[in-house]
Amino acid sequence: MTEQVLYLLSNQHPPALFFSELAAKLPGGSALEPTVKELEAQHAVLVSSFPAPDPHLDGLDLRIVALVPPAGDVSALEASASLWADWLRQFLATHRCQ
């Protein structure tokens, strides 16, 4: 499964996905947690967490898994931040608390 994770991330722009999106794209996504931990230990991916922008989202898994390219962690941090900013912008543009 590690090869599948790396392949999926490398085909994203930026090379990052929310953990839940990554799980949905993989057969047997329930086994993703140990695979991501292994890849993180190998410094092949970086897992980032951001605070929920709304109290109704507390408890949701908003982790982002980003590919760590040969250039290093900074590129992975930028990919995570870019994905988060795009998602947050879309969320805030459409969400209205009741």
N, C-alpha and C. Protein backbone atom coordinates (compact mmCIF):
# COMPACT_ATOMS: atom_id res chain seq x y z
N MET A 1 0.82 -1.20 0.00
CA MET A 1 0.00 0.00 0.00
C MET A 1 0.86 1.26 0.00
N THR A 2 2.10 1.18 0.48
CA THR A 2 2.95 2.38 0.53
C THR A 2 3.17 2.95 -0.87
N GLU A 3 3.37 2.08 -1.85
CA GLU A 3 3.58 2.55 -3.22
C GLU A 3 2.34 3.26 -3.75
N GLN A 4 1.16 2.73 -3.41
CA GLN A 4 -0.09 3.35 -3.85
C GLN A 4 -0.26 4.74 -3.25
N VAL A 5 0.06 4.87 -1.98
CA VAL A 5 -0.05 6.17 -1.30
C VAL A 5 0.88 7.18 -1.97
N LEU A 6 2.12 6.79 -2.18
CA LEU A 6 3.09 7.70 -2.79
C LEU A 6 2.68 8.06 -4.21
N TYR A 7 2.16 7.09 -4.95
CA TYR A 7 1.70 7.34 -6.32
C TYR A 7 0.54 8.34 -6.33
N LEU A 8 -0.45 8.11 -5.47
CA LEU A 8 -1.60 9.01 -5.42
C LEU A 8 -1.18 10.43 -5.06
N LEU A 9 -0.32 10.56 -4.07
CA LEU A 9 0.12 11.90 -3.67
C LEU A 9 0.93 12.57 -4.77
N SER A 10 1.76 11.82 -5.46
CA SER A 10 2.60 12.41 -6.50
C SER A 10 1.78 12.91 -7.69
N ASN A 11 0.56 12.40 -7.84
CA ASN A 11 -0.29 12.82 -8.94
C ASN A 11 -1.27 13.93 -8.58
N GLN A 12 -1.10 14.52 -7.41
CA GLN A 12 -1.93 15.63 -6.96
C GLN A 12 -1.17 16.93 -7.15
N HIS A 13 -1.92 18.01 -7.32
CA HIS A 13 -1.28 19.32 -7.36
C HIS A 13 -2.05 20.25 -6.43
N PRO A 14 -1.49 20.62 -5.32
CA PRO A 14 -0.19 20.23 -4.77
C PRO A 14 -0.20 18.77 -4.35
N PRO A 15 0.98 18.19 -4.14
CA PRO A 15 1.07 16.77 -3.81
C PRO A 15 0.66 16.47 -2.36
N ALA A 16 -0.64 16.66 -2.10
CA ALA A 16 -1.19 16.47 -0.75
C ALA A 16 -2.67 16.15 -0.87
N LEU A 17 -3.16 15.40 0.11
CA LEU A 17 -4.59 15.07 0.21
C LEU A 17 -4.98 15.04 1.67
N PHE A 18 -6.25 15.34 1.92
CA PHE A 18 -6.76 15.10 3.26
C PHE A 18 -6.70 13.59 3.51
N PHE A 19 -6.45 13.21 4.75
CA PHE A 19 -6.34 11.80 5.12
C PHE A 19 -7.58 11.03 4.65
N SER A 20 -8.76 11.61 4.86
CA SER A 20 -10.00 10.95 4.47
C SER A 20 -10.12 10.78 2.96
N GLU A 21 -9.63 11.76 2.19
CA GLU A 21 -9.64 11.65 0.73
C GLU A 21 -8.71 10.54 0.27
N LEU A 22 -7.55 10.48 0.90
CA LEU A 22 -6.59 9.44 0.56
C LEU A 22 -7.16 8.06 0.86
N ALA A 23 -7.80 7.91 2.00
CA ALA A 23 -8.42 6.63 2.37
C ALA A 23 -9.50 6.24 1.37
N ALA A 24 -10.27 7.21 0.91
CA ALA A 24 -11.36 6.92 -0.03
C ALA A 24 -10.83 6.47 -1.39
N LYS A 25 -9.64 6.89 -1.74
CA LYS A 25 -9.06 6.55 -3.04
C LYS A 25 -8.36 5.20 -3.05
N LEU A 26 -8.21 4.61 -1.87
CA LEU A 26 -7.46 3.35 -1.76
C LEU A 26 -8.38 2.19 -1.40
N PRO A 27 -8.22 1.05 -2.08
CA PRO A 27 -8.93 -0.13 -1.61
C PRO A 27 -8.35 -0.54 -0.26
N GLY A 28 -9.20 -0.89 0.67
CA GLY A 28 -8.70 -1.22 2.00
C GLY A 28 -8.19 -0.01 2.73
N GLY A 29 -8.88 1.12 2.56
CA GLY A 29 -8.45 2.38 3.18
C GLY A 29 -8.36 2.32 4.69
N SER A 30 -8.99 1.32 5.30
CA SER A 30 -8.93 1.22 6.75
C SER A 30 -7.53 0.88 7.24
N ALA A 31 -6.69 0.34 6.37
CA ALA A 31 -5.31 0.01 6.74
C ALA A 31 -4.36 1.18 6.48
N LEU A 32 -4.92 2.34 6.19
CA LEU A 32 -4.09 3.49 5.83
C LEU A 32 -3.29 4.04 7.00
N GLU A 33 -3.86 4.05 8.19
CA GLU A 33 -3.19 4.65 9.36
C GLU A 33 -1.78 4.09 9.57
N PRO A 34 -1.61 2.77 9.65
CA PRO A 34 -0.24 2.26 9.85
C PRO A 34 0.68 2.53 8.66
N THR A 35 0.11 2.56 7.47
CA THR A 35 0.92 2.84 6.28
C THR A 35 1.44 4.27 6.33
N VAL A 36 0.58 5.21 6.69
CA VAL A 36 0.99 6.61 6.77
C VAL A 36 2.02 6.80 7.89
N LYS A 37 1.82 6.12 9.01
CA LYS A 37 2.80 6.21 10.11
C LYS A 37 4.17 5.70 9.65
N GLU A 38 4.17 4.61 8.90
CA GLU A 38 5.43 4.04 8.38
C GLU A 38 6.09 5.02 7.42
N LEU A 39 5.32 5.59 6.50
CA LEU A 39 5.87 6.56 5.54
C LEU A 39 6.35 7.83 6.23
N GLU A 40 5.65 8.22 7.28
CA GLU A 40 6.08 9.40 8.04
C GLU A 40 7.40 9.13 8.75
N ALA A 41 7.55 7.93 9.29
CA ALA A 41 8.80 7.55 9.96
C ALA A 41 9.97 7.52 8.97
N GLN A 42 9.67 7.21 7.73
CA GLN A 42 10.69 7.18 6.67
C GLN A 42 10.91 8.56 6.05
N HIS A 43 10.20 9.56 6.53
CA HIS A 43 10.25 10.93 6.01
C HIS A 43 9.84 10.99 4.54
N ALA A 44 8.93 10.10 4.14
CA ALA A 44 8.41 10.10 2.77
C ALA A 44 7.15 10.96 2.68
N VAL A 45 6.44 11.12 3.80
CA VAL A 45 5.27 11.99 3.85
C VAL A 45 5.32 12.82 5.12
N LEU A 46 4.57 13.90 5.10
CA LEU A 46 4.42 14.77 6.26
C LEU A 46 2.93 14.87 6.55
N VAL A 47 2.55 14.66 7.80
CA VAL A 47 1.15 14.77 8.20
C VAL A 47 0.99 16.05 8.99
N SER A 48 0.06 16.90 8.53
CA SER A 48 -0.20 18.19 9.18
C SER A 48 -1.62 18.22 9.69
N SER A 49 -1.81 18.89 10.79
CA SER A 49 -3.15 19.10 11.36
C SER A 49 -3.40 20.59 11.47
N PHE A 50 -4.62 20.97 11.18
CA PHE A 50 -5.02 22.37 11.29
C PHE A 50 -6.26 22.44 12.16
N PRO A 51 -6.48 23.55 12.85
CA PRO A 51 -7.67 23.65 13.71
C PRO A 51 -8.94 23.75 12.86
N ALA A 52 -10.01 23.16 13.36
CA ALA A 52 -11.29 23.22 12.67
C ALA A 52 -11.75 24.68 12.61
N PRO A 53 -12.18 25.15 11.44
CA PRO A 53 -12.58 26.55 11.31
C PRO A 53 -13.98 26.83 11.84
N ASP A 54 -14.65 25.81 12.33
CA ASP A 54 -16.02 25.95 12.79
C ASP A 54 -16.26 24.92 13.89
N PRO A 55 -16.96 25.28 14.97
CA PRO A 55 -17.18 24.31 16.05
C PRO A 55 -17.96 23.07 15.60
N HIS A 56 -18.73 23.18 14.53
CA HIS A 56 -19.48 22.03 14.03
C HIS A 56 -18.57 20.98 13.39
N LEU A 57 -17.33 21.35 13.11
CA LEU A 57 -16.38 20.41 12.49
C LEU A 57 -15.46 19.75 13.50
N ASP A 58 -15.60 20.12 14.77
CA ASP A 58 -14.77 19.48 15.80
C ASP A 58 -15.00 17.98 15.75
N GLY A 59 -13.94 17.23 15.84
CA GLY A 59 -14.04 15.78 15.80
C GLY A 59 -13.83 15.20 14.41
N LEU A 60 -13.85 16.05 13.37
CA LEU A 60 -13.57 15.55 12.02
C LEU A 60 -12.06 15.42 11.83
N ASP A 61 -11.67 14.46 11.05
CA ASP A 61 -10.26 14.24 10.75
C ASP A 61 -9.86 15.19 9.63
N LEU A 62 -9.22 16.28 9.97
CA LEU A 62 -8.79 17.27 8.99
C LEU A 62 -7.29 17.21 8.74
N ARG A 63 -6.69 16.06 9.03
CA ARG A 63 -5.26 15.90 8.76
C ARG A 63 -5.00 15.91 7.26
N ILE A 64 -3.85 16.45 6.90
CA ILE A 64 -3.41 16.47 5.51
C ILE A 64 -2.12 15.67 5.42
N VAL A 65 -2.07 14.78 4.42
CA VAL A 65 -0.89 13.98 4.15
C VAL A 65 -0.23 14.55 2.91
N ALA A 66 1.03 14.97 3.01
CA ALA A 66 1.74 15.57 1.89
C ALA A 66 3.00 14.76 1.58
N LEU A 67 3.29 14.66 0.31
CA LEU A 67 4.49 13.97 -0.15
C LEU A 67 5.71 14.82 0.17
N VAL A 68 6.74 14.20 0.71
CA VAL A 68 8.00 14.90 0.96
C VAL A 68 8.90 14.63 -0.24
N PRO A 69 9.11 15.63 -1.10
CA PRO A 69 9.95 15.43 -2.27
C PRO A 69 11.43 15.48 -1.90
N PRO A 70 12.29 15.15 -2.85
CA PRO A 70 13.72 15.22 -2.55
C PRO A 70 14.17 16.59 -2.05
N ALA A 71 13.43 17.64 -2.42
CA ALA A 71 13.78 18.99 -1.97
C ALA A 71 13.62 19.16 -0.46
N GLY A 72 12.82 18.29 0.18
CA GLY A 72 12.71 18.34 1.63
C GLY A 72 11.37 18.73 2.16
N ASP A 73 11.33 18.87 3.50
CA ASP A 73 10.10 19.11 4.24
C ASP A 73 9.43 20.44 3.90
N VAL A 74 10.19 21.43 3.51
CA VAL A 74 9.59 22.74 3.24
C VAL A 74 8.56 22.63 2.12
N SER A 75 8.88 21.89 1.08
CA SER A 75 7.93 21.71 -0.02
C SER A 75 6.68 20.99 0.45
N ALA A 76 6.82 20.03 1.35
CA ALA A 76 5.67 19.32 1.89
C ALA A 76 4.82 20.25 2.75
N LEU A 77 5.46 21.09 3.54
CA LEU A 77 4.72 22.07 4.35
C LEU A 77 3.96 23.05 3.46
N GLU A 78 4.59 23.48 2.38
CA GLU A 78 3.93 24.39 1.44
C GLU A 78 2.74 23.71 0.77
N ALA A 79 2.88 22.44 0.41
CA ALA A 79 1.78 21.70 -0.22
C ALA A 79 0.61 21.57 0.75
N SER A 80 0.90 21.25 2.01
CA SER A 80 -0.15 21.14 3.03
C SER A 80 -0.84 22.47 3.23
N ALA A 81 -0.07 23.52 3.35
CA ALA A 81 -0.64 24.86 3.58
C ALA A 81 -1.48 25.31 2.38
N SER A 82 -1.04 24.99 1.19
CA SER A 82 -1.78 25.35 -0.01
C SER A 82 -3.12 24.62 -0.08
N LEU A 83 -3.10 23.31 0.18
CA LEU A 83 -4.33 22.52 0.17
C LEU A 83 -5.29 23.03 1.25
N TRP A 84 -4.77 23.30 2.44
CA TRP A 84 -5.60 23.80 3.53
C TRP A 84 -6.22 25.16 3.17
N ALA A 85 -5.41 26.06 2.62
CA ALA A 85 -5.91 27.39 2.27
C ALA A 85 -7.00 27.30 1.21
N ASP A 86 -6.82 26.44 0.22
CA ASP A 86 -7.85 26.28 -0.82
C ASP A 86 -9.14 25.72 -0.22
N TRP A 87 -9.00 24.70 0.62
CA TRP A 87 -10.19 24.09 1.24
C TRP A 87 -10.89 25.10 2.15
N LEU A 88 -10.12 25.80 2.96
CA LEU A 88 -10.68 26.76 3.90
C LEU A 88 -11.40 27.89 3.15
N ARG A 89 -10.81 28.37 2.07
CA ARG A 89 -11.44 29.42 1.27
C ARG A 89 -12.79 28.95 0.74
N GLN A 90 -12.84 27.72 0.22
CA GLN A 90 -14.10 27.18 -0.31
C GLN A 90 -15.11 26.97 0.82
N PHE A 91 -14.65 26.46 1.95
CA PHE A 91 -15.52 26.24 3.09
C PHE A 91 -16.14 27.54 3.56
N LEU A 92 -15.33 28.55 3.76
CA LEU A 92 -15.82 29.81 4.29
C LEU A 92 -16.73 30.54 3.28
N ALA A 93 -16.52 30.29 1.99
CA ALA A 93 -17.35 30.93 0.98
C ALA A 93 -18.76 30.33 0.93
N THR A 94 -18.91 29.09 1.40
CA THR A 94 -20.21 28.42 1.28
C THR A 94 -20.88 28.12 2.60
N HIS A 95 -20.13 28.10 3.68
CA HIS A 95 -20.69 27.69 4.97
C HIS A 95 -21.36 28.84 5.69
N ARG A 96 -22.54 28.55 6.21
CA ARG A 96 -23.25 29.52 7.05
C ARG A 96 -23.73 28.78 8.29
N CYS A 97 -23.26 29.18 9.43
CA CYS A 97 -23.71 28.56 10.68
C CYS A 97 -25.16 28.95 10.92
N GLN A 98 -25.91 28.01 11.41
CA GLN A 98 -27.34 28.24 11.70
C GLN A 98 -27.52 28.44 13.18
